[in-house]
């Protein structure tokens, strides 16, 4: 059993465990979910810094806007399945410089520019 789980079983909260010297990265490594950490009071930005993906805070109930504000790069959000439409619906305004789109292809395998 991981040390963080032993401390948790002893009755300490995840916030207390973190303040006691265990990093959020260690808590993540030891199997604590984004949902558990969000319920304990940690922010999406803190989860991002600990290495959680954007989909994990989303599963914890955060909105696209809150996840976008956490500081994930637009490419990371796109790769996690967030769409431009989802960003726009959340009030996050994008420019083409911020969100790279694949180059359009033409029949025969060439690029259309």
N, C-alpha and C. Protein backbone atom coordinates (compact mmCIF):
# COMPACT_ATOMS: atom_id res chain seq x y z
N UNK A 1 0.84 -1.18 0.00
CA UNK A 1 0.00 0.00 0.00
C UNK A 1 0.89 1.25 0.00
N UNK A 2 0.50 2.23 -0.81
CA UNK A 2 1.26 3.48 -0.92
C UNK A 2 1.15 4.27 0.38
N UNK A 3 2.20 5.05 0.66
CA UNK A 3 2.21 5.86 1.89
C UNK A 3 1.04 6.82 1.94
N UNK A 4 0.68 7.40 0.79
CA UNK A 4 -0.42 8.36 0.79
C UNK A 4 -1.74 7.67 1.16
N UNK A 5 -1.92 6.43 0.74
CA UNK A 5 -3.14 5.70 1.08
C UNK A 5 -3.17 5.36 2.56
N UNK A 6 -2.01 5.03 3.13
CA UNK A 6 -1.95 4.73 4.57
C UNK A 6 -2.32 5.98 5.37
N UNK A 7 -1.80 7.14 4.95
CA UNK A 7 -2.10 8.39 5.65
C UNK A 7 -3.59 8.70 5.50
N UNK A 8 -4.14 8.46 4.31
CA UNK A 8 -5.57 8.70 4.05
C UNK A 8 -6.42 7.79 4.95
N UNK A 9 -6.02 6.52 5.07
CA UNK A 9 -6.77 5.58 5.93
C UNK A 9 -6.68 5.97 7.40
N UNK A 10 -5.63 6.70 7.76
CA UNK A 10 -5.49 7.15 9.14
C UNK A 10 -6.42 8.33 9.44
N UNK A 11 -7.14 8.81 8.40
CA UNK A 11 -8.14 9.85 8.63
C UNK A 11 -7.78 11.23 8.14
N UNK A 12 -6.64 11.37 7.47
CA UNK A 12 -6.26 12.69 6.98
C UNK A 12 -6.92 12.96 5.63
N UNK A 13 -7.28 14.22 5.40
CA UNK A 13 -7.88 14.60 4.12
C UNK A 13 -6.78 14.70 3.05
N UNK A 14 -7.20 14.69 1.80
CA UNK A 14 -6.22 14.85 0.72
C UNK A 14 -5.51 16.20 0.80
N UNK A 15 -6.22 17.24 1.22
CA UNK A 15 -5.60 18.55 1.38
C UNK A 15 -4.53 18.49 2.47
N UNK A 16 -4.83 17.82 3.58
CA UNK A 16 -3.86 17.68 4.67
C UNK A 16 -2.65 16.86 4.21
N UNK A 17 -2.90 15.83 3.42
CA UNK A 17 -1.80 15.01 2.91
C UNK A 17 -0.90 15.85 2.02
N UNK A 18 -1.51 16.68 1.18
CA UNK A 18 -0.73 17.57 0.31
C UNK A 18 0.06 18.57 1.14
N UNK A 19 -0.57 19.21 2.13
CA UNK A 19 0.12 20.16 2.99
C UNK A 19 1.20 19.46 3.82
N UNK A 20 1.03 18.17 4.05
CA UNK A 20 2.00 17.41 4.83
C UNK A 20 3.24 17.03 4.05
N UNK A 21 3.31 17.40 2.80
CA UNK A 21 4.54 17.17 2.05
C UNK A 21 4.42 16.29 0.83
N UNK A 22 3.25 15.70 0.60
CA UNK A 22 3.07 14.89 -0.60
C UNK A 22 2.56 15.80 -1.72
N UNK A 23 3.21 15.73 -2.87
CA UNK A 23 2.80 16.56 -4.00
C UNK A 23 1.55 15.98 -4.66
N UNK A 24 0.88 16.82 -5.44
CA UNK A 24 -0.27 16.32 -6.20
C UNK A 24 0.17 15.27 -7.20
N UNK A 25 1.38 15.42 -7.73
CA UNK A 25 1.93 14.40 -8.64
C UNK A 25 2.04 13.05 -7.96
N UNK A 26 2.45 13.05 -6.69
CA UNK A 26 2.53 11.80 -5.94
C UNK A 26 1.13 11.22 -5.70
N UNK A 27 0.18 12.10 -5.40
CA UNK A 27 -1.18 11.63 -5.19
C UNK A 27 -1.73 11.02 -6.48
N UNK A 28 -1.44 11.67 -7.61
CA UNK A 28 -1.86 11.13 -8.91
C UNK A 28 -1.20 9.78 -9.15
N UNK A 29 0.10 9.72 -8.93
CA UNK A 29 0.85 8.48 -9.13
C UNK A 29 0.31 7.35 -8.26
N UNK A 30 -0.15 7.71 -7.07
CA UNK A 30 -0.66 6.71 -6.14
C UNK A 30 -2.12 6.34 -6.40
N UNK A 31 -2.70 6.88 -7.48
CA UNK A 31 -4.01 6.44 -7.91
C UNK A 31 -5.19 7.29 -7.50
N UNK A 32 -4.95 8.45 -6.90
CA UNK A 32 -6.07 9.32 -6.57
C UNK A 32 -6.58 9.98 -7.84
N UNK A 33 -7.88 9.97 -8.02
CA UNK A 33 -8.47 10.49 -9.25
C UNK A 33 -8.64 12.01 -9.18
N UNK A 34 -8.83 12.59 -10.37
CA UNK A 34 -9.11 14.02 -10.46
C UNK A 34 -10.39 14.35 -9.70
N UNK A 35 -11.36 13.46 -9.75
CA UNK A 35 -12.63 13.68 -9.04
C UNK A 35 -12.36 13.79 -7.54
N UNK A 36 -11.58 12.87 -7.00
CA UNK A 36 -11.27 12.92 -5.57
C UNK A 36 -10.55 14.21 -5.19
N UNK A 37 -9.60 14.61 -6.02
CA UNK A 37 -8.83 15.82 -5.71
C UNK A 37 -9.67 17.08 -5.87
N UNK A 38 -10.55 17.11 -6.88
CA UNK A 38 -11.44 18.26 -7.05
C UNK A 38 -12.40 18.35 -5.86
N UNK A 39 -12.92 17.21 -5.43
CA UNK A 39 -13.81 17.21 -4.26
C UNK A 39 -13.09 17.65 -3.00
N UNK A 40 -11.78 17.44 -2.95
CA UNK A 40 -10.99 17.85 -1.79
C UNK A 40 -10.64 19.33 -1.83
N UNK A 41 -10.92 19.99 -2.98
CA UNK A 41 -10.70 21.44 -3.06
C UNK A 41 -9.59 21.89 -3.96
N UNK A 42 -8.98 20.98 -4.68
CA UNK A 42 -7.91 21.38 -5.60
C UNK A 42 -8.51 21.91 -6.89
N UNK A 43 -7.81 22.83 -7.53
CA UNK A 43 -8.30 23.46 -8.76
C UNK A 43 -7.86 22.69 -9.99
N UNK A 44 -8.51 22.99 -11.10
CA UNK A 44 -8.13 22.38 -12.38
C UNK A 44 -6.70 22.76 -12.75
N UNK A 45 -6.29 23.98 -12.44
CA UNK A 45 -4.91 24.40 -12.73
C UNK A 45 -3.92 23.57 -11.92
N UNK A 46 -4.25 23.27 -10.68
CA UNK A 46 -3.37 22.44 -9.86
C UNK A 46 -3.30 21.02 -10.42
N UNK A 47 -4.44 20.51 -10.88
CA UNK A 47 -4.45 19.17 -11.46
C UNK A 47 -3.62 19.13 -12.74
N UNK A 48 -3.72 20.19 -13.54
CA UNK A 48 -2.92 20.28 -14.77
C UNK A 48 -1.44 20.19 -14.41
N UNK A 49 -1.02 20.96 -13.41
CA UNK A 49 0.39 20.96 -13.01
C UNK A 49 0.83 19.60 -12.48
N UNK A 50 -0.10 18.82 -11.94
CA UNK A 50 0.22 17.49 -11.42
C UNK A 50 0.27 16.43 -12.51
N UNK A 51 -0.13 16.82 -13.75
CA UNK A 51 -0.04 15.88 -14.85
C UNK A 51 -1.35 15.24 -15.28
N UNK A 52 -2.46 15.70 -14.71
CA UNK A 52 -3.75 15.17 -15.17
C UNK A 52 -4.06 15.73 -16.55
N UNK A 53 -4.78 14.97 -17.35
CA UNK A 53 -5.17 15.41 -18.69
C UNK A 53 -6.43 16.26 -18.59
N UNK A 54 -6.76 17.04 -19.63
CA UNK A 54 -7.96 17.88 -19.57
C UNK A 54 -9.25 17.10 -19.41
N UNK A 55 -9.28 15.85 -19.85
CA UNK A 55 -10.52 15.08 -19.74
C UNK A 55 -10.81 14.66 -18.30
N UNK A 56 -9.79 14.56 -17.46
CA UNK A 56 -10.01 14.15 -16.08
C UNK A 56 -10.77 15.21 -15.27
N UNK A 57 -10.39 16.51 -15.34
CA UNK A 57 -11.22 17.51 -14.66
C UNK A 57 -12.62 17.60 -15.27
N UNK A 58 -12.74 17.35 -16.59
CA UNK A 58 -14.06 17.39 -17.22
C UNK A 58 -14.95 16.31 -16.61
N UNK A 59 -14.38 15.13 -16.38
CA UNK A 59 -15.15 14.06 -15.76
C UNK A 59 -15.52 14.41 -14.32
N UNK A 60 -14.74 15.30 -13.71
CA UNK A 60 -15.04 15.73 -12.34
C UNK A 60 -16.13 16.80 -12.32
N UNK A 61 -16.64 17.16 -13.51
CA UNK A 61 -17.76 18.09 -13.57
C UNK A 61 -17.42 19.52 -13.93
N UNK A 62 -16.19 19.80 -14.27
CA UNK A 62 -15.84 21.16 -14.66
C UNK A 62 -16.31 21.46 -16.07
N UNK A 63 -16.62 22.70 -16.32
CA UNK A 63 -17.06 23.12 -17.65
C UNK A 63 -15.85 23.30 -18.57
N UNK A 64 -16.12 23.37 -19.86
CA UNK A 64 -15.05 23.63 -20.83
C UNK A 64 -14.35 24.94 -20.53
N UNK A 65 -15.13 25.94 -20.12
CA UNK A 65 -14.55 27.25 -19.80
C UNK A 65 -13.58 27.14 -18.63
N UNK A 66 -13.97 26.42 -17.59
CA UNK A 66 -13.09 26.25 -16.42
C UNK A 66 -11.83 25.48 -16.80
N UNK A 67 -11.99 24.47 -17.63
CA UNK A 67 -10.84 23.68 -18.06
C UNK A 67 -9.93 24.53 -18.94
N UNK A 68 -10.53 25.32 -19.84
CA UNK A 68 -9.75 26.22 -20.69
C UNK A 68 -8.97 27.23 -19.86
N UNK A 69 -9.56 27.70 -18.77
CA UNK A 69 -8.91 28.68 -17.90
C UNK A 69 -7.80 28.05 -17.05
N UNK A 70 -7.74 26.73 -16.99
CA UNK A 70 -6.73 26.05 -16.16
C UNK A 70 -5.33 26.17 -16.74
N UNK A 71 -5.24 26.56 -18.01
CA UNK A 71 -3.92 26.75 -18.61
C UNK A 71 -3.46 25.64 -19.52
N UNK A 72 -4.33 24.70 -19.85
CA UNK A 72 -3.95 23.68 -20.82
C UNK A 72 -3.75 24.36 -22.17
N UNK A 73 -2.76 23.92 -22.91
CA UNK A 73 -2.56 24.50 -24.24
C UNK A 73 -3.71 24.10 -25.15
N UNK A 74 -3.97 24.92 -26.16
CA UNK A 74 -5.05 24.61 -27.08
C UNK A 74 -4.80 23.30 -27.80
N UNK A 75 -3.55 22.99 -28.09
CA UNK A 75 -3.23 21.72 -28.75
C UNK A 75 -3.54 20.54 -27.83
N UNK A 76 -3.22 20.69 -26.54
CA UNK A 76 -3.52 19.63 -25.58
C UNK A 76 -5.02 19.42 -25.48
N UNK A 77 -5.76 20.52 -25.44
CA UNK A 77 -7.22 20.42 -25.37
C UNK A 77 -7.77 19.76 -26.63
N UNK A 78 -7.25 20.16 -27.78
CA UNK A 78 -7.71 19.57 -29.05
C UNK A 78 -7.40 18.08 -29.07
N UNK A 79 -6.17 17.72 -28.68
CA UNK A 79 -5.77 16.31 -28.69
C UNK A 79 -6.60 15.47 -27.71
N UNK A 80 -7.16 16.12 -26.68
CA UNK A 80 -8.00 15.42 -25.71
C UNK A 80 -9.45 15.33 -26.17
N UNK A 81 -9.73 15.88 -27.36
CA UNK A 81 -11.07 15.74 -27.91
C UNK A 81 -11.95 16.97 -27.81
N UNK A 82 -11.42 18.06 -27.28
CA UNK A 82 -12.19 19.29 -27.23
C UNK A 82 -12.20 19.90 -28.62
N UNK A 83 -13.35 20.38 -29.06
CA UNK A 83 -13.46 20.95 -30.40
C UNK A 83 -13.49 22.47 -30.35
N UNK A 84 -13.27 23.08 -31.51
CA UNK A 84 -13.37 24.52 -31.61
C UNK A 84 -14.77 24.96 -31.19
N UNK A 85 -15.77 24.21 -31.59
CA UNK A 85 -17.16 24.55 -31.25
C UNK A 85 -17.33 24.56 -29.73
N UNK A 86 -16.76 23.58 -29.06
CA UNK A 86 -16.86 23.50 -27.60
C UNK A 86 -16.22 24.73 -26.96
N UNK A 87 -15.05 25.15 -27.49
CA UNK A 87 -14.39 26.36 -26.97
C UNK A 87 -15.27 27.58 -27.18
N UNK A 88 -15.81 27.71 -28.39
CA UNK A 88 -16.62 28.88 -28.71
C UNK A 88 -17.88 28.92 -27.86
N UNK A 89 -18.50 27.76 -27.64
CA UNK A 89 -19.69 27.70 -26.79
C UNK A 89 -19.35 28.07 -25.35
N UNK A 90 -18.11 27.82 -24.95
CA UNK A 90 -17.68 28.15 -23.60
C UNK A 90 -17.24 29.60 -23.48
N UNK A 91 -17.26 30.34 -24.60
CA UNK A 91 -16.86 31.74 -24.56
C UNK A 91 -15.36 31.95 -24.70
N UNK A 92 -14.64 30.93 -25.14
CA UNK A 92 -13.20 31.05 -25.36
C UNK A 92 -13.01 31.40 -26.83
N UNK A 93 -12.49 32.58 -27.09
CA UNK A 93 -12.31 33.05 -28.46
C UNK A 93 -10.94 32.63 -28.98
N UNK A 94 -10.93 32.07 -30.17
CA UNK A 94 -9.71 31.54 -30.76
C UNK A 94 -9.36 32.29 -32.04
N UNK A 95 -8.08 32.28 -32.33
CA UNK A 95 -7.62 32.75 -33.63
C UNK A 95 -6.95 31.57 -34.31
N UNK A 96 -6.76 31.66 -35.61
CA UNK A 96 -6.10 30.56 -36.31
C UNK A 96 -4.68 30.36 -35.80
N UNK A 97 -4.05 31.42 -35.31
CA UNK A 97 -2.69 31.27 -34.76
C UNK A 97 -2.69 30.43 -33.49
N UNK A 98 -3.78 30.45 -32.74
CA UNK A 98 -3.86 29.71 -31.49
C UNK A 98 -4.22 28.25 -31.70
N UNK A 99 -4.94 27.95 -32.75
CA UNK A 99 -5.46 26.60 -32.94
C UNK A 99 -5.04 26.13 -34.31
N UNK A 100 -4.07 25.26 -34.36
CA UNK A 100 -3.54 24.81 -35.65
C UNK A 100 -4.46 23.76 -36.25
N UNK A 101 -4.82 23.97 -37.48
CA UNK A 101 -5.67 23.03 -38.20
C UNK A 101 -4.83 22.24 -39.18
N UNK A 102 -5.20 21.01 -39.44
CA UNK A 102 -4.44 20.25 -40.44
C UNK A 102 -4.60 20.90 -41.81
N UNK A 103 -3.55 20.85 -42.60
CA UNK A 103 -3.60 21.41 -43.94
C UNK A 103 -4.57 20.60 -44.80
N UNK A 104 -5.40 21.29 -45.59
CA UNK A 104 -6.34 20.55 -46.43
C UNK A 104 -5.61 19.72 -47.48
N UNK A 105 -6.13 18.56 -47.74
CA UNK A 105 -5.52 17.66 -48.72
C UNK A 105 -6.39 17.60 -49.96
N UNK A 106 -5.73 17.42 -51.10
CA UNK A 106 -6.44 17.27 -52.35
C UNK A 106 -6.26 15.84 -52.82
N UNK A 107 -7.17 15.35 -53.68
CA UNK A 107 -7.00 13.99 -54.19
C UNK A 107 -5.63 13.80 -54.80
N UNK A 108 -5.04 12.68 -54.58
CA UNK A 108 -3.70 12.40 -55.09
C UNK A 108 -2.63 12.60 -54.04
N UNK A 109 -3.01 13.03 -52.86
CA UNK A 109 -2.06 13.11 -51.75
C UNK A 109 -1.33 14.43 -51.61
N UNK A 110 -1.54 15.39 -52.49
CA UNK A 110 -0.85 16.67 -52.36
C UNK A 110 -1.56 17.59 -51.37
N UNK A 111 -0.91 18.65 -51.03
CA UNK A 111 -1.51 19.66 -50.15
C UNK A 111 -2.12 20.75 -50.99
N UNK A 112 -3.26 21.22 -50.59
CA UNK A 112 -3.92 22.33 -51.26
C UNK A 112 -3.66 23.58 -50.42
N UNK A 113 -3.04 24.56 -51.03
CA UNK A 113 -2.72 25.78 -50.28
C UNK A 113 -3.42 26.96 -50.89
